[in-house]
Protein backbone atom coordinates (compact mmCIF):
# COMPACT_ATOMS: atom_id res chain seq x y z
CA GLN A 1 -56.27 23.62 -6.34
CA VAL A 2 -59.06 24.22 -8.82
CA GLN A 3 -58.52 22.80 -12.29
CA LEU A 4 -60.70 22.83 -15.37
CA VAL A 5 -60.08 20.38 -18.20
CA GLU A 6 -61.83 20.71 -21.54
CA SER A 7 -62.25 17.82 -23.94
CA GLY A 8 -64.31 16.81 -26.93
CA GLY A 9 -62.90 19.09 -29.57
CA GLY A 10 -62.07 17.89 -33.05
CA SER A 11 -62.59 18.39 -36.75
CA VAL A 12 -66.01 18.17 -38.35
CA GLN A 13 -67.69 19.24 -41.54
CA ALA A 14 -70.16 22.08 -41.66
CA GLY A 15 -73.53 20.97 -40.36
CA GLY A 16 -71.97 18.47 -38.00
CA SER A 17 -72.07 18.26 -34.23
CA LEU A 18 -69.65 18.05 -31.33
CA ARG A 19 -70.04 17.91 -27.58
CA LEU A 20 -67.44 19.62 -25.45
CA SER A 21 -66.89 18.77 -21.80
CA CYS A 22 -65.48 20.88 -18.99
CA ALA A 23 -64.52 18.78 -15.98
CA ALA A 24 -63.76 20.59 -12.74
CA SER A 25 -61.63 19.31 -9.90
CA GLY A 26 -60.70 20.87 -6.58
CA HIS A 27 -64.06 22.60 -6.24
CA SER A 28 -67.70 21.62 -6.24
CA GLY A 29 -70.27 24.32 -5.67
CA SER A 30 -73.92 25.06 -6.31
CA ARG A 31 -73.64 28.82 -6.65
CA ASP A 32 -71.12 29.09 -9.43
CA VAL A 33 -71.12 30.12 -13.07
CA VAL A 34 -69.39 28.07 -15.73
CA GLY A 35 -68.86 29.81 -19.02
CA TRP A 36 -67.64 28.79 -22.44
CA PHE A 37 -65.57 31.16 -24.53
CA ARG A 38 -63.83 30.78 -27.86
CA GLN A 39 -60.98 32.43 -29.67
CA ALA A 40 -60.31 32.18 -33.38
CA PRO A 41 -56.87 32.97 -34.82
CA GLY A 42 -56.34 36.70 -35.02
CA LYS A 43 -59.55 37.48 -33.16
CA GLN A 44 -60.47 38.43 -29.63
CA ARG A 45 -61.87 35.86 -27.27
CA GLU A 46 -65.67 35.92 -27.25
CA GLY A 47 -68.35 34.52 -25.04
CA VAL A 48 -70.36 31.51 -26.15
CA ALA A 49 -72.61 30.41 -23.29
CA SER A 50 -72.79 30.20 -19.53
CA ILE A 51 -74.71 28.26 -16.91
CA TYR A 52 -75.52 28.81 -13.25
CA THR A 53 -74.77 25.63 -11.33
CA GLY A 54 -77.37 26.46 -8.72
CA GLY A 55 -80.31 25.79 -10.98
CA GLY A 56 -79.20 25.37 -14.53
CA SER A 57 -80.15 28.80 -15.82
CA ALA A 58 -78.27 29.47 -19.01
CA TYR A 59 -77.26 32.34 -21.24
CA TYR A 60 -76.28 32.16 -24.89
CA PHE A 61 -74.54 34.73 -27.01
CA ASP A 62 -76.28 35.62 -30.25
CA SER A 63 -73.83 33.83 -32.52
CA VAL A 64 -74.68 30.41 -31.10
CA ARG A 65 -78.22 30.78 -29.74
CA GLY A 66 -80.42 28.05 -31.13
CA ARG A 67 -77.49 25.85 -32.18
CA PHE A 68 -75.55 25.29 -28.95
CA THR A 69 -76.84 23.94 -25.65
CA ILE A 70 -75.05 24.18 -22.33
CA SER A 71 -75.84 21.67 -19.59
CA GLN A 72 -74.38 20.25 -16.42
CA ASP A 73 -73.94 16.95 -14.62
CA ASN A 74 -73.46 17.80 -10.97
CA ALA A 75 -72.58 14.23 -10.05
CA LYS A 76 -69.64 14.38 -12.45
CA ASN A 77 -68.84 18.04 -11.75
CA THR A 78 -68.89 18.54 -15.48
CA VAL A 79 -70.45 21.09 -17.81
CA TYR A 80 -71.16 20.26 -21.43
CA LEU A 81 -71.52 22.31 -24.56
CA GLN A 82 -73.52 20.51 -27.23
CA MET A 83 -72.84 22.13 -30.57
CA LYS A 84 -75.06 21.41 -33.56
CA ASN A 85 -75.25 22.73 -37.10
CA LEU A 86 -71.64 23.81 -36.86
CA LYS A 87 -70.37 26.44 -39.26
CA PRO A 88 -66.83 27.23 -40.44
CA GLU A 89 -67.00 30.44 -38.41
CA ASP A 90 -67.32 28.32 -35.26
CA THR A 91 -63.72 27.24 -35.75
CA ALA A 92 -61.77 28.31 -32.67
CA MET A 93 -60.10 27.24 -29.48
CA TYR A 94 -62.85 26.73 -26.92
CA TYR A 95 -62.24 27.48 -23.25
CA CYS A 96 -64.32 26.94 -20.16
CA ALA A 97 -64.12 29.19 -17.15
CA LEU A 98 -65.41 29.12 -13.58
CA LYS A 99 -66.75 31.92 -11.42
CA ILE A 100 -67.13 30.85 -7.82
CA SER A 101 -69.88 32.03 -5.46
CA TYR A 102 -72.06 34.07 -7.79
CA PRO A 103 -75.36 35.50 -6.55
CA ALA A 104 -78.48 33.81 -7.85
CA GLY A 105 -80.56 35.85 -10.23
CA TRP A 106 -77.77 38.05 -11.51
CA SER A 107 -76.96 38.32 -15.20
CA LEU A 108 -75.07 35.35 -16.55
CA ARG A 109 -73.40 37.45 -19.22
CA LEU A 110 -70.07 37.60 -17.42
CA ARG A 111 -66.97 39.20 -18.88
CA GLU A 112 -63.71 37.33 -19.09
CA TYR A 113 -62.18 39.17 -16.16
CA GLU A 114 -65.03 38.13 -13.89
CA TYR A 115 -64.08 34.47 -14.01
CA ASP A 116 -61.74 33.00 -11.42
CA TYR A 117 -60.36 29.94 -13.21
CA TRP A 118 -59.76 28.89 -16.80
CA GLY A 119 -59.05 25.68 -18.63
CA GLN A 120 -56.40 25.16 -21.27
CA GLY A 121 -58.84 24.89 -24.16
CA THR A 122 -59.88 22.39 -26.79
CA GLN A 123 -59.69 23.01 -30.53
CA VAL A 124 -62.76 22.89 -32.76
CA THR A 125 -62.28 22.99 -36.51
CA VAL A 126 -65.23 23.12 -38.90
CA SER A 127 -64.58 22.66 -42.59
CA SER A 128 -66.89 23.75 -45.39
């Protein structure tokens, strides 16, 4: 059974940093996509970033490009989201998701419904 567990969320002041982790169990592949999404209260879930486990190619949505970095540690089967220069508008529940067996070279801008598994989320709160 595939499980994703997010951790690393918390409360920080604007301009601060956090590193989120997404640990996967029950599956270890080199042709997968791991994505991060977030959902603020009263808003729709939106994409943040994604990474292809087969080579580390990454995609960032405009709202976080230049501030967030997605990376992976294959030995730990974990994907990280380093978040810097956090803003109050980054406040949300952050989720990671896994798409198994994704063709190399395809767009990494996957929609929510394209992912196979989801974690339970970790809360990030940024105060001004």
